[in-house]
Amino acid sequence: MKIGHLPFPMPERKYSLKQNWANLTFMHWEVEPDILKQHLPEDLELDLFDGKAYVGTIPFNMEKVRPRNMPSISFISNFPEFNIRTYVTKNGKSGVFFLTLDAQSHITCIYAPFAYGLPYKYAKCSIEINDKGGSVWESKRMKDGIGLKGESIANGPLLKAKKGSLEEFLFERYCLYVSHKGKTCRAYTFHEPWEYREAEVIIEENSLTEFYELGITNVLEPELVHVSKGVKVLTWSIEKTVK
């Protein structure tokens, strides 16, 4: 695998899972840093771009999720996911931190919190590719009805993030952080550099982002929108001692 684009090396031990992230819509808002810090473990530092903090709401399809050297199983390995994430750093390694991961997968919503500490919540979800270079998406949690509904429309050429750009800051992240059993842990993720297009969205409902009280003036109008066909991903189990 090509590794020249990585900001830090992947673990020498073998990866644990393979998966594809497909048909993604990235929606980002600028958020006051002090508000986002309230959602983070105390030992994680909020990562800023030109002094600004961002939160992203991202609907996409998880495809062919399977353990290393195992085949994917259609009704288990494929499901839609809607996550909300922000950007953090610890000991010089920048990554992402999830406020939530809403997914239509009972197995994932049970296993991932136990094994990774990821805050998965079960929701009825759907994502369908449209004829406008984007996708149509809808999610709704069964317990409280919180959800997201809308459509993305691509309006630009295929791009890769330029060095030092905001897009590089938002996309090129190769680890995630979680709070698991009272400790901050890191899990590494490997993929090729993102290819994406600029886009726009039509959002009918976004109580999902609104629920986290991030001080966003209009949750129906993100400041930045991008779409991507996706990447193939390797993930490692979490490291309980973060160095």
Protein backbone atom coordinates (compact mmCIF):
# COMPACT_ATOMS: atom_id res chain seq x y z
CA MET A 1 0.00 0.00 0.00
CA LYS A 2 1.17 3.55 -0.73
CA ILE A 3 2.09 5.42 2.44
CA GLY A 4 3.72 8.63 1.22
CA HIS A 5 0.64 10.70 1.98
CA LEU A 6 0.40 9.60 5.62
CA PRO A 7 1.22 12.18 8.32
CA PHE A 8 2.41 9.40 10.65
CA PRO A 9 3.05 5.65 10.31
CA MET A 10 0.38 3.02 10.81
CA PRO A 11 0.89 0.41 13.56
CA GLU A 12 3.28 -2.45 12.84
CA ARG A 13 0.69 -4.95 14.07
CA LYS A 14 -1.92 -6.24 11.65
CA TYR A 15 -5.10 -4.30 10.98
CA SER A 16 -8.36 -5.67 12.36
CA LEU A 17 -11.07 -4.60 9.89
CA LYS A 18 -11.52 -3.84 6.20
CA GLN A 19 -14.37 -1.67 4.93
CA ASN A 20 -15.42 0.76 2.22
CA TRP A 21 -16.81 4.23 2.89
CA ALA A 22 -19.05 5.08 -0.07
CA ASN A 23 -21.33 7.84 -1.38
CA LEU A 24 -20.38 10.43 1.21
CA THR A 25 -21.77 13.93 1.69
CA PHE A 26 -19.57 16.13 3.90
CA MET A 27 -21.37 19.09 5.49
CA HIS A 28 -19.36 21.42 7.72
CA TRP A 29 -20.13 24.37 9.96
CA GLU A 30 -17.77 26.61 11.88
CA VAL A 31 -18.43 26.32 15.62
CA GLU A 32 -17.14 28.30 18.59
CA PRO A 33 -14.19 26.33 20.03
CA ASP A 34 -15.43 26.63 23.62
CA ILE A 35 -18.71 24.95 22.66
CA LEU A 36 -16.98 22.02 20.98
CA LYS A 37 -14.56 21.57 23.87
CA GLN A 38 -17.52 20.68 26.09
CA HIS A 39 -17.97 17.50 24.01
CA LEU A 40 -14.34 16.34 24.30
CA PRO A 41 -12.43 14.37 26.92
CA GLU A 42 -10.28 16.72 28.99
CA ASP A 43 -7.02 15.30 27.62
CA LEU A 44 -7.91 15.85 23.95
CA GLU A 45 -7.04 19.13 22.27
CA LEU A 46 -9.39 20.69 19.75
CA ASP A 47 -7.68 20.98 16.35
CA LEU A 48 -8.13 24.37 14.68
CA PHE A 49 -7.61 25.68 11.14
CA ASP A 50 -6.57 29.34 11.11
CA GLY A 51 -7.98 29.60 14.62
CA LYS A 52 -11.37 28.17 13.59
CA ALA A 53 -13.10 24.98 14.80
CA TYR A 54 -15.35 22.87 12.59
CA VAL A 55 -17.97 20.20 13.00
CA GLY A 56 -19.07 17.88 10.21
CA THR A 57 -22.29 15.95 9.63
CA ILE A 58 -21.68 13.14 7.16
CA PRO A 59 -24.17 10.62 5.73
CA PHE A 60 -22.62 7.71 3.82
CA ASN A 61 -22.72 3.99 3.21
CA MET A 62 -20.56 1.52 5.08
CA GLU A 63 -19.86 -1.34 2.67
CA LYS A 64 -18.15 -4.72 2.95
CA VAL A 65 -17.25 -4.28 6.61
CA ARG A 66 -15.45 -7.45 7.67
CA PRO A 67 -12.62 -8.72 9.87
CA ARG A 68 -9.21 -9.27 8.27
CA ASN A 69 -9.11 -12.43 6.12
CA MET A 70 -12.88 -12.89 6.37
CA PRO A 71 -15.52 -12.40 3.66
CA SER A 72 -18.19 -9.74 3.91
CA ILE A 73 -21.78 -10.79 4.59
CA SER A 74 -24.34 -8.68 2.78
CA PHE A 75 -26.94 -8.15 5.52
CA ILE A 76 -24.26 -7.55 8.19
CA SER A 77 -21.44 -5.82 6.29
CA ASN A 78 -23.44 -3.13 4.46
CA PHE A 79 -25.42 -0.36 6.13
CA PRO A 80 -25.95 3.43 6.03
CA GLU A 81 -24.34 5.62 8.67
CA PHE A 82 -24.82 9.27 9.65
CA ASN A 83 -22.09 10.66 11.88
CA ILE A 84 -21.21 13.98 13.48
CA ARG A 85 -17.52 14.60 14.01
CA THR A 86 -15.06 17.26 15.00
CA TYR A 87 -11.29 17.55 14.72
CA VAL A 88 -8.84 16.92 17.52
CA THR A 89 -5.19 16.26 18.19
CA LYS A 90 -3.12 14.54 20.85
CA ASN A 91 0.65 14.23 21.07
CA GLY A 92 1.09 15.57 17.55
CA LYS A 93 -1.36 13.16 15.87
CA SER A 94 -4.43 14.85 14.43
CA GLY A 95 -7.61 12.82 14.11
CA VAL A 96 -11.36 12.91 14.47
CA PHE A 97 -13.69 12.64 17.44
CA PHE A 98 -17.30 11.54 16.97
CA LEU A 99 -20.22 13.07 18.80
CA THR A 100 -22.45 10.35 17.39
CA LEU A 101 -22.59 7.64 14.75
CA ASP A 102 -26.20 6.83 13.83
CA ALA A 103 -26.44 3.61 11.83
CA GLN A 104 -28.94 1.02 10.67
CA SER A 105 -27.02 -1.94 12.06
CA HIS A 106 -27.95 -3.60 15.33
CA ILE A 107 -24.70 -5.57 15.38
CA THR A 108 -22.52 -2.49 14.89
CA CYS A 109 -24.47 -0.50 17.47
CA ILE A 110 -23.78 -3.24 20.02
CA TYR A 111 -20.24 -4.28 19.06
CA ALA A 112 -18.57 -0.94 18.25
CA PRO A 113 -19.32 0.76 21.60
CA PHE A 114 -18.08 -2.34 23.43
CA ALA A 115 -14.90 -2.92 21.39
CA TYR A 116 -14.01 0.62 20.30
CA GLY A 117 -15.92 2.98 22.57
CA LEU A 118 -17.58 4.53 19.52
CA PRO A 119 -20.92 6.25 20.33
CA TYR A 120 -23.13 4.35 17.88
CA LYS A 121 -26.90 4.77 18.03
CA TYR A 122 -29.43 2.76 16.08
CA ALA A 123 -31.48 4.63 13.49
CA LYS A 124 -33.49 3.79 10.41
CA CYS A 125 -31.41 5.16 7.55
CA SER A 126 -31.25 5.23 3.77
CA ILE A 127 -28.81 6.63 1.23
CA GLU A 128 -29.42 6.45 -2.51
CA ILE A 129 -27.24 7.79 -5.31
CA ASN A 130 -29.01 10.45 -7.38
CA ASP A 131 -28.38 11.58 -10.96
CA LYS A 132 -26.80 14.88 -9.80
CA GLY A 133 -23.44 13.53 -8.66
CA GLY A 134 -24.58 13.27 -5.05
CA SER A 135 -27.09 11.29 -3.01
CA VAL A 136 -30.45 11.42 -1.25
CA TRP A 137 -30.35 10.59 2.44
CA GLU A 138 -32.64 10.20 5.43
CA SER A 139 -32.18 9.00 9.00
CA LYS A 140 -34.41 8.82 12.05
CA ARG A 141 -33.62 7.43 15.48
CA MET A 142 -36.23 4.99 16.70
CA LYS A 143 -36.16 6.22 20.32
CA ASP A 144 -36.61 9.94 19.87
CA GLY A 145 -37.21 10.66 16.17
CA ILE A 146 -34.04 12.75 15.80
CA GLY A 147 -32.84 12.67 12.22
CA LEU A 148 -31.54 14.18 9.01
CA LYS A 149 -33.17 14.37 5.60
CA GLY A 150 -31.90 15.93 2.41
CA GLU A 151 -30.01 15.66 -0.85
CA SER A 152 -26.55 16.58 -2.12
CA ILE A 153 -25.77 17.90 -5.61
CA ALA A 154 -22.22 18.02 -6.99
CA ASN A 155 -21.28 21.21 -8.82
CA GLY A 156 -17.54 21.04 -9.40
CA PRO A 157 -14.71 18.94 -10.88
CA LEU A 158 -13.00 16.02 -9.16
CA LEU A 159 -10.34 17.32 -6.74
CA LYS A 160 -7.70 16.27 -4.26
CA ALA A 161 -6.88 18.45 -1.27
CA LYS A 162 -3.94 20.81 -1.69
CA LYS A 163 -1.24 20.85 0.95
CA GLY A 164 -2.14 23.27 3.73
CA SER A 165 -5.74 23.76 2.55
CA LEU A 166 -8.90 23.64 4.64
CA GLU A 167 -9.94 20.55 2.66
CA GLU A 168 -6.74 18.77 3.69
CA PHE A 169 -7.48 19.69 7.30
CA LEU A 170 -11.02 18.29 7.07
CA PHE A 171 -10.43 15.16 4.97
CA GLU A 172 -6.92 13.82 5.45
CA ARG A 173 -7.30 12.26 8.87
CA TYR A 174 -5.79 8.89 9.63
CA CYS A 175 -6.85 8.15 13.18
CA LEU A 176 -9.80 8.61 15.49
CA TYR A 177 -10.07 9.15 19.22
CA VAL A 178 -12.60 7.74 21.65
CA SER A 179 -13.26 7.77 25.35
CA HIS A 180 -13.37 4.10 26.32
CA LYS A 181 -13.69 2.78 29.86
CA GLY A 182 -12.52 6.07 31.29
CA LYS A 183 -9.46 6.41 29.06
CA THR A 184 -8.78 8.29 25.84
CA CYS A 185 -7.84 5.78 23.14
CA ARG A 186 -6.69 6.04 19.54
CA ALA A 187 -7.56 3.86 16.54
CA TYR A 188 -5.70 4.19 13.24
CA THR A 189 -7.39 4.26 9.84
CA PHE A 190 -5.64 3.87 6.49
CA HIS A 191 -6.91 4.83 3.04
CA GLU A 192 -5.71 6.57 -0.11
CA PRO A 193 -6.08 10.38 -0.30
CA TRP A 194 -9.66 11.55 -0.73
CA GLU A 195 -11.04 12.51 -4.13
CA TYR A 196 -14.04 14.81 -3.84
CA ARG A 197 -16.18 17.42 -5.56
CA GLU A 198 -17.59 20.64 -4.21
CA ALA A 199 -21.35 20.46 -3.82
CA GLU A 200 -24.51 21.97 -2.41
CA VAL A 201 -27.30 20.47 -0.34
CA ILE A 202 -31.02 20.79 0.09
CA ILE A 203 -31.81 19.88 3.72
CA GLU A 204 -35.42 19.33 4.76
CA GLU A 205 -34.68 18.36 8.37
CA ASN A 206 -31.59 18.38 10.56
CA SER A 207 -32.59 17.75 14.14
CA LEU A 208 -29.53 15.45 14.27
CA THR A 209 -26.98 18.29 14.23
CA GLU A 210 -29.32 20.58 16.17
CA PHE A 211 -29.59 18.06 19.00
CA TYR A 212 -25.98 18.67 20.10
CA GLU A 213 -26.55 22.39 20.76
CA LEU A 214 -23.43 23.56 18.95
CA GLY A 215 -24.52 27.16 18.57
CA ILE A 216 -25.04 26.80 14.80
CA THR A 217 -27.31 29.55 13.52
CA ASN A 218 -28.80 27.57 10.64
CA VAL A 219 -28.43 23.77 10.61
CA LEU A 220 -30.12 23.68 7.20
CA GLU A 221 -27.31 25.64 5.52
CA PRO A 222 -23.80 24.25 6.01
CA GLU A 223 -20.92 26.56 5.21
CA LEU A 224 -18.99 23.91 3.29
CA VAL A 225 -20.31 20.96 1.28
CA HIS A 226 -18.38 18.24 -0.55
CA VAL A 227 -19.25 14.84 -1.97
CA SER A 228 -17.07 11.81 -2.59
CA LYS A 229 -17.56 8.37 -4.08
CA GLY A 230 -15.43 7.10 -1.22
CA VAL A 231 -12.35 5.18 -0.17
CA LYS A 232 -11.31 1.66 0.80
CA VAL A 233 -10.27 1.58 4.46
CA LEU A 234 -8.21 -0.51 6.87
CA THR A 235 -8.73 0.03 10.59
CA TRP A 236 -6.79 -1.07 13.63
CA SER A 237 -8.08 -1.93 17.08
CA ILE A 238 -7.83 0.84 19.65
CA GLU A 239 -4.70 1.63 21.61
CA LYS A 240 -5.55 2.15 25.25
CA THR A 241 -2.28 3.93 25.97
CA VAL A 242 -2.11 6.98 23.71
CA LYS A 243 1.44 8.11 22.91
